[in-house]
Amino acid sequence: MNTPETPSKPESQLAGRFRGFLPVVIDVECGGFNSATDALLEIAAVTVGMDENGILEPEDTWFFRVEPFPGANLEESALKFTGIDPHHPLRIAHKEPDVFRELFKNIRKKMKEELCTRAILVGHNAHFDHGFVNAAAERNTLKRNPFHPFSSLDTASMSAVAFGQTVLSRACECAGIDFNNEEAHSARYDAEKTAELFCFIINRWQKLGGWPLS
């Protein structure tokens, strides 16, 4: 008697392209530069998808305003730079642990859909954003942080190679991506522009024959 073969799971092009990692673009706006002591005030995450031709494009965006954690430091210079008033009565911010539980849940769901085993943080000067994400996860004892603990993909470095530029607005200009400096320094805006830039560079590399490797 012939035993029917068990159908294999379809492979995810996205998982195959990034070795089982789900790229998630992150941008944070903060009350300073020290992830251990300074408040995280906004965070946005953008996931990316890949079509049947292997073209990468931004998909979902999640954006949260975050209440400063108890005892958090707020540098006046940082608040002036971002234009964020953390105490504005209409700001509608949420507690940091609630924000990260919701964000991590959404990312894990996307990982499952794309058959990925882990997420990898993509950011413009990614080390900065990565530090604040890891600090928040540790501060709130969130053990299911989906991100790789130290590896990341940095669009500032990628832009230096692709365009000879490291500033987000200038790299976007080189890529033909509209960039409004009046809207910059919002986590949502910067994350979405970084996602567009990341996809542009990856797609251009593929078009030039860099992937898939023969």
N, C-alpha and C. Protein backbone atom coordinates (compact mmCIF):
# COMPACT_ATOMS: atom_id res chain seq x y z
N MET A 1 0.84 -1.18 0.00
CA MET A 1 0.00 0.00 0.00
C MET A 1 0.88 1.24 0.00
N ASN A 2 0.57 2.17 -0.88
CA ASN A 2 1.36 3.40 -0.95
C ASN A 2 0.92 4.38 0.12
N THR A 3 1.89 4.92 0.83
CA THR A 3 1.59 5.92 1.85
C THR A 3 1.72 7.30 1.22
N PRO A 4 0.66 8.11 1.32
CA PRO A 4 0.76 9.44 0.72
C PRO A 4 1.84 10.28 1.38
N GLU A 5 2.56 11.00 0.57
CA GLU A 5 3.63 11.84 1.11
C GLU A 5 3.04 13.03 1.87
N THR A 6 3.69 13.36 2.96
CA THR A 6 3.28 14.54 3.73
C THR A 6 3.70 15.79 2.97
N PRO A 7 2.75 16.66 2.66
CA PRO A 7 3.13 17.86 1.90
C PRO A 7 4.08 18.73 2.70
N SER A 8 5.11 19.20 2.04
CA SER A 8 6.07 20.06 2.73
C SER A 8 5.52 21.47 2.83
N LYS A 9 5.94 22.15 3.86
CA LYS A 9 5.50 23.53 4.03
C LYS A 9 6.11 24.41 2.93
N PRO A 10 5.34 25.34 2.39
CA PRO A 10 5.92 26.23 1.39
C PRO A 10 6.99 27.11 2.02
N GLU A 11 8.03 27.34 1.28
CA GLU A 11 9.09 28.18 1.80
C GLU A 11 8.72 29.65 1.66
N SER A 12 9.17 30.44 2.60
CA SER A 12 8.97 31.88 2.54
C SER A 12 10.18 32.50 1.86
N GLN A 13 9.93 33.27 0.79
CA GLN A 13 11.05 33.95 0.11
C GLN A 13 11.76 34.90 1.06
N LEU A 14 10.97 35.56 1.91
CA LEU A 14 11.57 36.52 2.85
C LEU A 14 12.50 35.81 3.82
N ALA A 15 12.05 34.68 4.37
CA ALA A 15 12.90 33.91 5.29
C ALA A 15 14.15 33.40 4.57
N GLY A 16 13.98 32.97 3.32
CA GLY A 16 15.13 32.49 2.57
C GLY A 16 16.13 33.59 2.28
N ARG A 17 15.62 34.78 2.00
CA ARG A 17 16.50 35.91 1.66
C ARG A 17 17.34 36.35 2.85
N PHE A 18 16.76 36.29 4.06
CA PHE A 18 17.47 36.80 5.25
C PHE A 18 17.78 35.69 6.26
N ARG A 19 18.00 34.47 5.74
CA ARG A 19 18.48 33.35 6.56
C ARG A 19 17.57 33.09 7.77
N GLY A 20 16.26 33.16 7.55
CA GLY A 20 15.32 32.86 8.62
C GLY A 20 15.00 34.03 9.52
N PHE A 21 15.58 35.19 9.25
CA PHE A 21 15.31 36.38 10.05
C PHE A 21 14.23 37.23 9.39
N LEU A 22 13.37 37.81 10.21
CA LEU A 22 12.36 38.76 9.74
C LEU A 22 12.89 40.18 9.95
N PRO A 23 13.17 40.93 8.88
CA PRO A 23 13.61 42.32 9.07
C PRO A 23 12.45 43.18 9.58
N VAL A 24 12.68 43.89 10.65
CA VAL A 24 11.70 44.82 11.21
C VAL A 24 12.39 46.17 11.40
N VAL A 25 11.88 47.18 10.72
CA VAL A 25 12.49 48.51 10.81
C VAL A 25 11.96 49.20 12.07
N ILE A 26 12.88 49.69 12.88
CA ILE A 26 12.53 50.32 14.15
C ILE A 26 13.10 51.74 14.19
N ASP A 27 12.29 52.66 14.71
CA ASP A 27 12.80 53.99 15.05
C ASP A 27 12.26 54.37 16.41
N VAL A 28 13.12 54.95 17.24
CA VAL A 28 12.71 55.42 18.56
C VAL A 28 13.03 56.90 18.70
N GLU A 29 12.20 57.60 19.46
CA GLU A 29 12.48 58.97 19.87
C GLU A 29 12.56 58.97 21.39
N CYS A 30 13.58 59.63 21.91
CA CYS A 30 13.92 59.45 23.32
C CYS A 30 14.20 60.78 24.01
N GLY A 31 14.30 60.70 25.32
CA GLY A 31 14.61 61.88 26.12
C GLY A 31 16.09 62.03 26.39
N GLY A 32 16.92 61.44 25.56
CA GLY A 32 18.36 61.50 25.72
C GLY A 32 19.01 60.38 24.94
N PHE A 33 20.32 60.18 25.16
CA PHE A 33 21.07 59.20 24.39
C PHE A 33 21.42 57.94 25.17
N ASN A 34 21.15 57.90 26.46
CA ASN A 34 21.53 56.77 27.30
C ASN A 34 20.33 55.85 27.47
N SER A 35 20.39 54.67 26.86
CA SER A 35 19.24 53.77 26.89
C SER A 35 18.92 53.24 28.29
N ALA A 36 19.91 53.26 29.18
CA ALA A 36 19.70 52.74 30.53
C ALA A 36 18.98 53.74 31.42
N THR A 37 19.15 55.04 31.15
CA THR A 37 18.62 56.05 32.07
C THR A 37 17.60 56.99 31.45
N ASP A 38 17.61 57.15 30.14
CA ASP A 38 16.78 58.17 29.50
C ASP A 38 15.48 57.58 28.96
N ALA A 39 14.43 58.40 29.00
CA ALA A 39 13.10 57.93 28.64
C ALA A 39 12.98 57.60 27.16
N LEU A 40 12.28 56.53 26.88
CA LEU A 40 11.86 56.22 25.52
C LEU A 40 10.46 56.82 25.36
N LEU A 41 10.27 57.69 24.37
CA LEU A 41 9.04 58.46 24.26
C LEU A 41 8.16 58.04 23.09
N GLU A 42 8.76 57.54 22.02
CA GLU A 42 8.01 57.03 20.88
C GLU A 42 8.75 55.84 20.29
N ILE A 43 7.98 54.90 19.75
CA ILE A 43 8.60 53.81 19.00
C ILE A 43 7.67 53.44 17.85
N ALA A 44 8.26 53.19 16.70
CA ALA A 44 7.52 52.73 15.53
C ALA A 44 8.25 51.54 14.94
N ALA A 45 7.47 50.61 14.40
CA ALA A 45 8.02 49.42 13.75
C ALA A 45 7.33 49.24 12.41
N VAL A 46 8.11 48.90 11.39
CA VAL A 46 7.58 48.64 10.06
C VAL A 46 8.09 47.28 9.61
N THR A 47 7.15 46.40 9.24
CA THR A 47 7.55 45.12 8.69
C THR A 47 7.63 45.24 7.17
N VAL A 48 8.35 44.33 6.57
CA VAL A 48 8.50 44.32 5.11
C VAL A 48 8.03 42.98 4.57
N GLY A 49 7.62 42.98 3.32
CA GLY A 49 7.21 41.75 2.65
C GLY A 49 7.94 41.61 1.33
N MET A 50 7.82 40.44 0.73
CA MET A 50 8.50 40.17 -0.53
C MET A 50 7.51 39.55 -1.50
N ASP A 51 7.44 40.09 -2.73
CA ASP A 51 6.51 39.55 -3.71
C ASP A 51 7.12 38.35 -4.42
N GLU A 52 6.37 37.79 -5.38
CA GLU A 52 6.82 36.58 -6.06
C GLU A 52 8.08 36.78 -6.88
N ASN A 53 8.42 38.03 -7.17
CA ASN A 53 9.64 38.33 -7.93
C ASN A 53 10.82 38.68 -7.02
N GLY A 54 10.61 38.53 -5.72
CA GLY A 54 11.69 38.81 -4.78
C GLY A 54 11.88 40.28 -4.49
N ILE A 55 10.86 41.12 -4.81
CA ILE A 55 10.95 42.55 -4.56
C ILE A 55 10.44 42.85 -3.17
N LEU A 56 11.24 43.57 -2.42
CA LEU A 56 10.93 43.91 -1.04
C LEU A 56 10.14 45.21 -0.98
N GLU A 57 9.13 45.26 -0.10
CA GLU A 57 8.36 46.49 0.06
C GLU A 57 7.84 46.59 1.49
N PRO A 58 7.69 47.83 2.00
CA PRO A 58 7.15 48.01 3.35
C PRO A 58 5.72 47.49 3.44
N GLU A 59 5.36 46.96 4.61
CA GLU A 59 4.00 46.48 4.81
C GLU A 59 3.33 47.20 5.98
N ASP A 60 3.31 46.57 7.15
CA ASP A 60 2.56 47.12 8.28
C ASP A 60 3.40 48.07 9.12
N THR A 61 2.75 49.08 9.68
CA THR A 61 3.39 50.01 10.61
C THR A 61 2.66 49.98 11.94
N TRP A 62 3.42 49.91 13.01
CA TRP A 62 2.88 50.05 14.37
C TRP A 62 3.59 51.22 15.02
N PHE A 63 2.81 52.08 15.66
CA PHE A 63 3.36 53.29 16.27
C PHE A 63 2.77 53.46 17.66
N PHE A 64 3.64 53.78 18.62
CA PHE A 64 3.21 53.98 20.00
C PHE A 64 3.89 55.21 20.59
N ARG A 65 3.11 56.01 21.30
CA ARG A 65 3.68 57.01 22.21
C ARG A 65 3.83 56.34 23.57
N VAL A 66 4.95 56.61 24.22
CA VAL A 66 5.31 55.86 25.42
C VAL A 66 5.45 56.81 26.61
N GLU A 67 4.85 56.41 27.74
CA GLU A 67 5.05 57.16 28.97
C GLU A 67 6.48 56.96 29.47
N PRO A 68 7.16 58.00 29.93
CA PRO A 68 8.48 57.80 30.53
C PRO A 68 8.40 56.81 31.70
N PHE A 69 9.31 55.88 31.74
CA PHE A 69 9.30 54.91 32.84
C PHE A 69 9.64 55.61 34.16
N PRO A 70 9.23 55.07 35.30
CA PRO A 70 9.49 55.73 36.58
C PRO A 70 10.97 56.02 36.79
N GLY A 71 11.29 57.27 37.10
CA GLY A 71 12.67 57.69 37.33
C GLY A 71 13.44 57.99 36.07
N ALA A 72 12.78 57.98 34.91
CA ALA A 72 13.49 58.21 33.65
C ALA A 72 14.01 59.63 33.57
N ASN A 73 15.18 59.77 32.96
CA ASN A 73 15.78 61.08 32.74
C ASN A 73 15.25 61.69 31.44
N LEU A 74 15.00 62.99 31.47
CA LEU A 74 14.55 63.73 30.28
C LEU A 74 15.47 64.91 30.06
N GLU A 75 16.24 64.87 28.99
CA GLU A 75 17.15 65.95 28.67
C GLU A 75 16.41 67.03 27.88
N GLU A 76 16.51 68.27 28.33
CA GLU A 76 15.81 69.36 27.67
C GLU A 76 16.23 69.50 26.21
N SER A 77 17.51 69.30 25.95
CA SER A 77 18.01 69.44 24.57
C SER A 77 17.39 68.38 23.65
N ALA A 78 17.19 67.17 24.18
CA ALA A 78 16.59 66.10 23.38
C ALA A 78 15.13 66.41 23.08
N LEU A 79 14.42 66.95 24.05
CA LEU A 79 13.00 67.28 23.85
C LEU A 79 12.85 68.41 22.83
N LYS A 80 13.75 69.38 22.87
CA LYS A 80 13.71 70.47 21.88
C LYS A 80 13.99 69.94 20.48
N PHE A 81 14.91 68.98 20.39
CA PHE A 81 15.27 68.43 19.09
C PHE A 81 14.10 67.67 18.46
N THR A 82 13.40 66.87 19.26
CA THR A 82 12.29 66.06 18.73
C THR A 82 10.97 66.83 18.71
N GLY A 83 10.86 67.86 19.55
CA GLY A 83 9.60 68.59 19.64
C GLY A 83 8.54 67.85 20.43
N ILE A 84 8.94 66.84 21.19
CA ILE A 84 7.98 66.05 21.97
C ILE A 84 7.81 66.66 23.36
N ASP A 85 6.57 66.86 23.77
CA ASP A 85 6.24 67.26 25.14
C ASP A 85 5.67 66.02 25.85
N PRO A 86 6.48 65.33 26.65
CA PRO A 86 6.02 64.08 27.26
C PRO A 86 4.87 64.25 28.24
N HIS A 87 4.61 65.49 28.66
CA HIS A 87 3.55 65.73 29.65
C HIS A 87 2.32 66.39 29.04
N HIS A 88 2.26 66.46 27.71
CA HIS A 88 1.10 67.09 27.07
C HIS A 88 -0.16 66.26 27.36
N PRO A 89 -1.24 66.91 27.82
CA PRO A 89 -2.44 66.15 28.23
C PRO A 89 -3.11 65.39 27.09
N LEU A 90 -2.87 65.78 25.84
CA LEU A 90 -3.51 65.11 24.71
C LEU A 90 -2.57 64.14 23.99
N ARG A 91 -1.47 63.81 24.63
CA ARG A 91 -0.46 62.98 23.96
C ARG A 91 -0.90 61.52 23.79
N ILE A 92 -1.73 61.03 24.66
CA ILE A 92 -2.25 59.64 24.61
C ILE A 92 -1.09 58.63 24.53
N ALA A 93 -0.28 58.63 25.56
CA ALA A 93 0.83 57.69 25.63
C ALA A 93 0.44 56.48 26.48
N HIS A 94 1.19 55.40 26.30
CA HIS A 94 0.91 54.16 27.01
C HIS A 94 2.13 53.73 27.81
N LYS A 95 1.90 52.94 28.83
CA LYS A 95 2.99 52.49 29.69
C LYS A 95 3.94 51.59 28.89
N GLU A 96 5.21 51.74 29.20
CA GLU A 96 6.25 51.05 28.43
C GLU A 96 6.04 49.53 28.36
N PRO A 97 5.74 48.84 29.48
CA PRO A 97 5.58 47.38 29.34
C PRO A 97 4.41 46.99 28.45
N ASP A 98 3.33 47.76 28.49
CA ASP A 98 2.18 47.46 27.63
C ASP A 98 2.53 47.65 26.15
N VAL A 99 3.29 48.71 25.87
CA VAL A 99 3.71 48.98 24.49
C VAL A 99 4.54 47.82 23.95
N PHE A 100 5.51 47.36 24.72
CA PHE A 100 6.42 46.34 24.21
C PHE A 100 5.77 44.97 24.15
N ARG A 101 4.86 44.68 25.06
CA ARG A 101 4.13 43.41 24.94
C ARG A 101 3.32 43.38 23.65
N GLU A 102 2.64 44.48 23.33
CA GLU A 102 1.84 44.54 22.11
C GLU A 102 2.73 44.49 20.88
N LEU A 103 3.81 45.25 20.89
CA LEU A 103 4.72 45.28 19.75
C LEU A 103 5.34 43.91 19.50
N PHE A 104 5.85 43.29 20.55
CA PHE A 104 6.48 41.99 20.40
C PHE A 104 5.48 40.93 19.93
N LYS A 105 4.24 41.01 20.41
CA LYS A 105 3.21 40.07 19.98
C LYS A 105 2.97 40.20 18.47
N ASN A 106 2.88 41.44 17.99
CA ASN A 106 2.66 41.65 16.56
C ASN A 106 3.82 41.14 15.72
N ILE A 107 5.04 41.36 16.20
CA ILE A 107 6.22 40.91 15.46
C ILE A 107 6.28 39.38 15.44
N ARG A 108 5.99 38.73 16.57
CA ARG A 108 6.02 37.27 16.60
C ARG A 108 4.96 36.68 15.66
N LYS A 109 3.80 37.33 15.56
CA LYS A 109 2.77 36.87 14.64
C LYS A 109 3.27 36.95 13.20
N LYS A 110 3.93 38.05 12.85
CA LYS A 110 4.48 38.20 11.50
C LYS A 110 5.59 37.19 11.25
N MET A 111 6.41 36.91 12.25
CA MET A 111 7.45 35.90 12.11
C MET A 111 6.84 34.54 11.76
N LYS A 112 5.78 34.20 12.44
CA LYS A 112 5.11 32.92 12.20
C LYS A 112 4.56 32.87 10.78
N GLU A 113 3.95 33.95 10.33
CA GLU A 113 3.39 33.99 8.97
C GLU A 113 4.48 33.80 7.92
N GLU A 114 5.66 34.36 8.17
CA GLU A 114 6.75 34.31 7.20
C GLU A 114 7.71 33.15 7.44
N LEU A 115 7.37 32.26 8.38
CA LEU A 115 8.20 31.09 8.68
C LEU A 115 9.61 31.50 9.10
N CYS A 116 9.71 32.60 9.81
CA CYS A 116 10.99 33.08 10.32
C CYS A 116 11.18 32.63 11.76
N THR A 117 12.43 32.42 12.15
CA THR A 117 12.73 31.95 13.50
C THR A 117 13.09 33.08 14.45
N ARG A 118 13.41 34.25 13.90
CA ARG A 118 13.79 35.38 14.74
C ARG A 118 13.61 36.67 13.93
N ALA A 119 13.48 37.78 14.63
CA ALA A 119 13.45 39.08 13.96
C ALA A 119 14.84 39.69 14.03
N ILE A 120 15.15 40.53 13.05
CA ILE A 120 16.40 41.30 13.09
C ILE A 120 16.04 42.76 12.92
N LEU A 121 16.57 43.59 13.79
CA LEU A 121 16.25 45.00 13.80
C LEU A 121 16.97 45.72 12.67
N VAL A 122 16.21 46.50 11.94
CA VAL A 122 16.75 47.38 10.90
C VAL A 122 16.56 48.81 11.38
N GLY A 123 17.59 49.62 11.32
CA GLY A 123 17.46 51.00 11.76
C GLY A 123 18.50 51.88 11.11
N HIS A 124 18.24 53.18 11.14
CA HIS A 124 19.23 54.14 10.64
C HIS A 124 20.06 54.55 11.85
N ASN A 125 21.33 54.11 11.85
CA ASN A 125 22.16 54.09 13.06
C ASN A 125 21.51 53.12 14.05
N ALA A 126 21.42 51.86 13.61
CA ALA A 126 20.63 50.84 14.28
C ALA A 126 21.07 50.57 15.71
N HIS A 127 22.33 50.76 16.01
CA HIS A 127 22.83 50.49 17.36
C HIS A 127 22.07 51.31 18.40
N PHE A 128 21.72 52.55 18.04
CA PHE A 128 21.00 53.42 18.97
C PHE A 128 19.61 52.84 19.27
N ASP A 129 18.84 52.54 18.23
CA ASP A 129 17.49 52.02 18.42
C ASP A 129 17.52 50.66 19.12
N HIS A 130 18.47 49.83 18.72
CA HIS A 130 18.60 48.50 19.30
C HIS A 130 18.85 48.58 20.81
N GLY A 131 19.69 49.53 21.20
CA GLY A 131 19.99 49.69 22.62
C GLY A 131 18.76 50.03 23.44
N PHE A 132 17.90 50.92 22.91
CA PHE A 132 16.69 51.29 23.64
C PHE A 132 15.67 50.15 23.68
N VAL A 133 15.57 49.38 22.60
CA VAL A 133 14.66 48.23 22.60
C VAL A 133 15.12 47.20 23.63
N ASN A 134 16.40 46.86 23.61
CA ASN A 134 16.91 45.87 24.56
C ASN A 134 16.80 46.36 26.00
N ALA A 135 17.06 47.65 26.23
CA ALA A 135 16.96 48.19 27.59
C ALA A 135 15.53 48.12 28.10
N ALA A 136 14.57 48.45 27.24
CA ALA A 136 13.16 48.39 27.65
C ALA A 136 12.73 46.96 27.94
N ALA A 137 13.16 46.01 27.09
CA ALA A 137 12.81 44.61 27.31
C ALA A 137 13.38 44.11 28.63
N GLU A 138 14.61 44.49 28.93
CA GLU A 138 15.24 44.06 30.19
C GLU A 138 14.60 44.75 31.38
N ARG A 139 14.34 46.05 31.24
CA ARG A 139 13.75 46.82 32.34
C ARG A 139 12.38 46.27 32.74
N ASN A 140 11.64 45.77 31.77
CA ASN A 140 10.29 45.28 32.02
C ASN A 140 10.21 43.75 32.07
N THR A 141 11.38 43.12 32.18
CA THR A 141 11.51 41.66 32.29
C THR A 141 10.67 40.94 31.24
N LEU A 142 10.78 41.39 30.00
CA LEU A 142 10.08 40.76 28.89
C LEU A 142 11.01 39.70 28.29
N LYS A 143 10.74 38.46 28.56
CA LYS A 143 11.66 37.38 28.19
C LYS A 143 11.52 36.95 26.74
N ARG A 144 10.44 37.33 26.07
CA ARG A 144 10.23 36.87 24.69
C ARG A 144 10.51 38.01 23.70
N ASN A 145 11.67 38.60 23.87
CA ASN A 145 12.11 39.63 22.92
C ASN A 145 12.40 38.94 21.59
N PRO A 146 11.67 39.26 20.51
CA PRO A 146 11.85 38.53 19.26
C PRO A 146 13.12 38.88 18.50
N PHE A 147 13.78 39.98 18.88
CA PHE A 147 14.93 40.45 18.12
C PHE A 147 16.21 39.71 18.50
N HIS A 148 17.06 39.53 17.51
CA HIS A 148 18.41 39.03 17.79
C HIS A 148 19.04 39.97 18.81
N PRO A 149 19.74 39.43 19.81
CA PRO A 149 20.22 40.29 20.90
C PRO A 149 21.27 41.32 20.51
N PHE A 150 22.03 41.08 19.45
CA PHE A 150 23.06 42.07 19.10
C PHE A 150 23.21 42.34 17.60
N SER A 151 22.78 41.45 16.75
CA SER A 151 22.91 41.69 15.31
C SER A 151 21.80 42.63 14.83
N SER A 152 22.13 43.48 13.88
CA SER A 152 21.15 44.40 13.30
C SER A 152 21.60 44.76 11.88
N LEU A 153 20.71 45.38 11.14
CA LEU A 153 20.99 45.87 9.80
C LEU A 153 20.89 47.38 9.82
N ASP A 154 21.98 48.06 9.48
CA ASP A 154 22.07 49.51 9.64
C ASP A 154 21.99 50.20 8.28
N THR A 155 20.91 50.95 8.06
CA THR A 155 20.76 51.63 6.77
C THR A 155 21.71 52.81 6.62
N ALA A 156 22.27 53.31 7.71
CA ALA A 156 23.30 54.35 7.58
C ALA A 156 24.54 53.78 6.91
N SER A 157 24.95 52.59 7.34
CA SER A 157 26.11 51.94 6.72
C SER A 157 25.79 51.52 5.29
N MET A 158 24.58 50.98 5.08
CA MET A 158 24.18 50.59 3.73
C MET A 158 24.16 51.79 2.79
N SER A 159 23.69 52.94 3.29
CA SER A 159 23.63 54.15 2.47
C SER A 159 25.01 54.70 2.16
N ALA A 160 25.94 54.51 3.10
CA ALA A 160 27.31 54.94 2.85
C ALA A 160 27.90 54.19 1.65
N VAL A 161 27.59 52.91 1.55
CA VAL A 161 28.07 52.10 0.43
C VAL A 161 27.31 52.46 -0.85
N ALA A 162 25.98 52.57 -0.73
CA ALA A 162 25.15 52.76 -1.93
C ALA A 162 25.23 54.17 -2.51
N PHE A 163 25.31 55.18 -1.61
CA PHE A 163 25.19 56.58 -2.07
C PHE A 163 26.31 57.50 -1.61
N GLY A 164 27.17 57.03 -0.73
CA GLY A 164 28.16 57.93 -0.14
C GLY A 164 27.54 58.91 0.83
N GLN A 165 26.37 58.55 1.37
CA GLN A 165 25.65 59.40 2.33
C GLN A 165 25.29 58.58 3.55
N THR A 166 25.27 59.23 4.73
CA THR A 166 24.87 58.53 5.95
C THR A 166 23.68 59.20 6.64
N VAL A 167 23.35 60.43 6.27
CA VAL A 167 22.21 61.13 6.85
C VAL A 167 20.94 60.62 6.16
N LEU A 168 19.90 60.31 6.95
CA LEU A 168 18.70 59.70 6.40
C LEU A 168 18.08 60.54 5.29
N SER A 169 17.93 61.83 5.51
CA SER A 169 17.28 62.68 4.50
C SER A 169 18.07 62.70 3.20
N ARG A 170 19.40 62.75 3.30
CA ARG A 170 20.23 62.81 2.10
C ARG A 170 20.25 61.47 1.37
N ALA A 171 20.25 60.38 2.13
CA ALA A 171 20.20 59.07 1.50
C ALA A 171 18.87 58.88 0.77
N CYS A 172 17.77 59.32 1.39
CA CYS A 172 16.47 59.23 0.73
C CYS A 172 16.45 60.05 -0.55
N GLU A 173 17.04 61.24 -0.50
CA GLU A 173 17.11 62.09 -1.70
C GLU A 173 17.84 61.36 -2.82
N CYS A 174 18.95 60.70 -2.50
CA CYS A 174 19.70 59.97 -3.52
C CYS A 174 18.89 58.81 -4.09
N ALA A 175 18.03 58.22 -3.27
CA ALA A 175 17.20 57.09 -3.71
C ALA A 175 15.92 57.54 -4.39
N GLY A 176 15.69 58.85 -4.45
CA GLY A 176 14.46 59.35 -5.06
C GLY A 176 13.25 59.20 -4.17
N ILE A 177 13.47 59.13 -2.87
CA ILE A 177 12.39 58.99 -1.89
C ILE A 177 12.08 60.36 -1.30
N ASP A 178 10.83 60.79 -1.38
CA ASP A 178 10.44 62.08 -0.81
C ASP A 178 10.74 62.10 0.69
N PHE A 179 11.28 63.23 1.16
CA PHE A 179 11.59 63.36 2.59
C PHE A 179 11.26 64.78 3.02
N ASN A 180 10.39 64.90 4.01
CA ASN A 180 9.95 66.19 4.54
C ASN A 180 10.61 66.43 5.89
N ASN A 181 11.52 67.37 5.94
CA ASN A 181 12.24 67.64 7.20
C ASN A 181 11.32 68.16 8.30
N GLU A 182 10.16 68.70 7.91
CA GLU A 182 9.21 69.18 8.92
C GLU A 182 8.55 68.02 9.66
N GLU A 183 8.48 66.87 9.01
CA GLU A 183 7.87 65.69 9.63
C GLU A 183 8.89 64.77 10.28
N ALA A 184 10.16 65.01 10.04
CA ALA A 184 11.22 64.16 10.58
C ALA A 184 11.26 64.25 12.11
N HIS A 185 11.91 63.27 12.71
CA HIS A 185 12.05 63.14 14.17
C HIS A 185 10.72 62.77 14.82
N SER A 186 9.81 62.23 14.03
CA SER A 186 8.69 61.46 14.53
C SER A 186 9.04 60.00 14.28
N ALA A 187 8.84 59.13 15.28
CA ALA A 187 9.23 57.74 15.12
C ALA A 187 8.51 57.10 13.93
N ARG A 188 7.23 57.42 13.76
CA ARG A 188 6.49 56.82 12.65
C ARG A 188 7.08 57.26 11.30
N TYR A 189 7.30 58.56 11.14
CA TYR A 189 7.80 59.07 9.86
C TYR A 189 9.18 58.52 9.55
N ASP A 190 10.06 58.58 10.52
CA ASP A 190 11.43 58.13 10.29
C ASP A 190 11.49 56.63 10.03
N ALA A 191 10.67 55.84 10.74
CA ALA A 191 10.66 54.40 10.52
C ALA A 191 10.16 54.07 9.12
N GLU A 192 9.11 54.76 8.67
CA GLU A 192 8.57 54.48 7.35
C GLU A 192 9.55 54.89 6.25
N LYS A 193 10.24 56.01 6.44
CA LYS A 193 11.23 56.41 5.44
C LYS A 193 12.44 55.47 5.45
N THR A 194 12.83 55.03 6.63
CA THR A 194 13.93 54.07 6.72
C THR A 194 13.55 52.76 6.05
N ALA A 195 12.29 52.34 6.20
CA ALA A 195 11.83 51.11 5.55
C ALA A 195 11.87 51.25 4.03
N GLU A 196 11.44 52.40 3.52
CA GLU A 196 11.51 52.64 2.07
C GLU A 196 12.95 52.59 1.59
N LEU A 197 13.84 53.20 2.35
CA LEU A 197 15.26 53.23 1.97
C LEU A 197 15.86 51.83 2.00
N PHE A 198 15.56 51.06 3.04
CA PHE A 198 16.06 49.70 3.17
C PHE A 198 15.61 48.86 1.97
N CYS A 199 14.33 48.93 1.64
CA CYS A 199 13.80 48.16 0.51
C CYS A 199 14.45 48.59 -0.80
N PHE A 200 14.64 49.90 -0.97
CA PHE A 200 15.26 50.40 -2.20
C PHE A 200 16.66 49.82 -2.38
N ILE A 201 17.45 49.85 -1.32
CA ILE A 201 18.84 49.38 -1.44
C ILE A 201 18.88 47.88 -1.68
N ILE A 202 18.06 47.12 -0.97
CA ILE A 202 18.02 45.67 -1.17
C ILE A 202 17.58 45.34 -2.59
N ASN A 203 16.53 46.02 -3.05
CA ASN A 203 16.03 45.74 -4.41
C ASN A 203 17.03 46.14 -5.49
N ARG A 204 17.71 47.25 -5.27
CA ARG A 204 18.72 47.68 -6.24
C ARG A 204 19.88 46.67 -6.29
N TRP A 205 20.26 46.17 -5.14
CA TRP A 205 21.33 45.17 -5.09
C TRP A 205 20.93 43.92 -5.85
N GLN A 206 19.67 43.51 -5.70
CA GLN A 206 19.19 42.35 -6.44
C GLN A 206 19.19 42.63 -7.93
N LYS A 207 18.72 43.81 -8.32
CA LYS A 207 18.67 44.17 -9.75
C LYS A 207 20.05 44.15 -10.38
N LEU A 208 21.06 44.49 -9.59
CA LEU A 208 22.44 44.51 -10.10
C LEU A 208 23.08 43.12 -10.11
N GLY A 209 22.30 42.11 -9.67
CA GLY A 209 22.80 40.75 -9.73
C GLY A 209 23.41 40.25 -8.45
N GLY A 210 23.20 40.97 -7.34
CA GLY A 210 23.82 40.58 -6.09
C GLY A 210 23.13 39.43 -5.37
N TRP A 211 21.83 39.22 -5.68
CA TRP A 211 21.08 38.13 -5.05
C TRP A 211 19.90 37.79 -5.94
N PRO A 212 19.52 36.53 -6.08
CA PRO A 212 20.18 35.37 -5.47
C PRO A 212 21.51 35.06 -6.13
N LEU A 213 22.38 34.46 -5.36
CA LEU A 213 23.70 34.13 -5.89
C LEU A 213 23.59 32.89 -6.76
N SER A 214 24.25 32.90 -7.88
CA SER A 214 24.21 31.74 -8.78
C SER A 214 25.20 30.68 -8.33
